[in-house]
Amino acid sequence: MNDMAPALLSLMMIAAIALAIGGVVQMRRREKRGWLMLVAALVIFGNVLIRAL
């Protein structure tokens, strides 16, 4: 990995956490976007796991 990779992985994790929190908030309001945000967060988490290995 290059010297920029740890910073990018950290930003991706922050974005995934923000998406997960936003998804939960949207689901509590009974909006369909909540599921989409949670799925996007899971995809980002998966990308971080793959890149970190």
C-alpha atoms as a PDB file:
ATOM      1  CA  MET A   1       0.000   0.000   0.000  1.00  0.00           C
ATOM      2  CA  ASN A   2       1.127   3.486  -0.646  1.00  0.00           C
ATOM      3  CA  ASP A   3       1.395   6.274   1.920  1.00  0.00           C
ATOM      4  CA  MET A   4      -2.089   7.631   1.105  1.00  0.00           C
ATOM      5  CA  ALA A   5      -3.919   4.338   1.716  1.00  0.00           C
ATOM      6  CA  PRO A   6      -4.361   4.573   5.510  1.00  0.00           C
ATOM      7  CA  ALA A   7      -5.913   8.026   5.204  1.00  0.00           C
ATOM      8  CA  LEU A   8      -8.284   6.856   2.467  1.00  0.00           C
ATOM      9  CA  LEU A   9      -9.314   3.800   4.475  1.00  0.00           C
ATOM     10  CA  SER A  10     -10.007   6.037   7.467  1.00  0.00           C
ATOM     11  CA  LEU A  11     -12.151   8.366   5.365  1.00  0.00           C
ATOM     12  CA  MET A  12     -14.042   5.405   3.946  1.00  0.00           C
ATOM     13  CA  MET A  13     -14.758   4.127   7.454  1.00  0.00           C
ATOM     14  CA  ILE A  14     -15.997   7.551   8.566  1.00  0.00           C
ATOM     15  CA  ALA A  15     -18.278   7.698   5.523  1.00  0.00           C
ATOM     16  CA  ALA A  16     -19.584   4.180   6.173  1.00  0.00           C
ATOM     17  CA  ILE A  17     -20.331   4.974   9.815  1.00  0.00           C
ATOM     18  CA  ALA A  18     -22.115   8.180   8.806  1.00  0.00           C
ATOM     19  CA  LEU A  19     -24.158   6.237   6.231  1.00  0.00           C
ATOM     20  CA  ALA A  20     -25.072   3.581   8.796  1.00  0.00           C
ATOM     21  CA  ILE A  21     -26.206   6.185  11.338  1.00  0.00           C
ATOM     22  CA  GLY A  22     -28.161   8.058   8.679  1.00  0.00           C
ATOM     23  CA  GLY A  23     -29.732   4.830   7.506  1.00  0.00           C
ATOM     24  CA  VAL A  24     -30.932   3.980  10.993  1.00  0.00           C
ATOM     25  CA  VAL A  25     -32.386   7.478  11.405  1.00  0.00           C
ATOM     26  CA  GLN A  26     -34.168   7.201   8.054  1.00  0.00           C
ATOM     27  CA  MET A  27     -35.538   3.761   8.922  1.00  0.00           C
ATOM     28  CA  ARG A  28     -36.972   5.090  12.178  1.00  0.00           C
ATOM     29  CA  ARG A  29     -38.812   7.683  10.102  1.00  0.00           C
ATOM     30  CA  ARG A  30     -40.147   4.826   7.941  1.00  0.00           C
ATOM     31  CA  GLU A  31     -38.451   6.031   4.761  1.00  0.00           C
ATOM     32  CA  LYS A  32     -37.163   3.677   2.070  1.00  0.00           C
ATOM     33  CA  ARG A  33     -33.828   5.456   1.752  1.00  0.00           C
ATOM     34  CA  GLY A  34     -32.753   3.958   5.075  1.00  0.00           C
ATOM     35  CA  TRP A  35     -32.258   0.521   3.565  1.00  0.00           C
ATOM     36  CA  LEU A  36     -30.289   1.964   0.670  1.00  0.00           C
ATOM     37  CA  MET A  37     -27.989   3.842   3.045  1.00  0.00           C
ATOM     38  CA  LEU A  38     -27.402   0.702   5.138  1.00  0.00           C
ATOM     39  CA  VAL A  39     -26.578  -1.332   2.029  1.00  0.00           C
ATOM     40  CA  ALA A  40     -24.154   1.367   0.873  1.00  0.00           C
ATOM     41  CA  ALA A  41     -22.498   1.317   4.302  1.00  0.00           C
ATOM     42  CA  LEU A  42     -22.098  -2.476   4.110  1.00  0.00           C
ATOM     43  CA  VAL A  43     -20.542  -2.208   0.652  1.00  0.00           C
ATOM     44  CA  ILE A  44     -18.039   0.373   1.895  1.00  0.00           C
ATOM     45  CA  PHE A  45     -17.225  -1.778   4.949  1.00  0.00           C
ATOM     46  CA  GLY A  46     -16.592  -4.694   2.600  1.00  0.00           C
ATOM     47  CA  ASN A  47     -14.318  -2.592   0.402  1.00  0.00           C
ATOM     48  CA  VAL A  48     -12.321  -1.477   3.428  1.00  0.00           C
ATOM     49  CA  LEU A  49     -11.927  -5.071   4.585  1.00  0.00           C
ATOM     50  CA  ILE A  50     -10.741  -6.184   1.152  1.00  0.00           C
ATOM     51  CA  ARG A  51      -8.282  -3.296   0.810  1.00  0.00           C
ATOM     52  CA  ALA A  52      -6.917  -3.741   4.325  1.00  0.00           C
ATOM     53  CA  LEU A  53      -5.970  -7.382   3.779  1.00  0.00           C
END
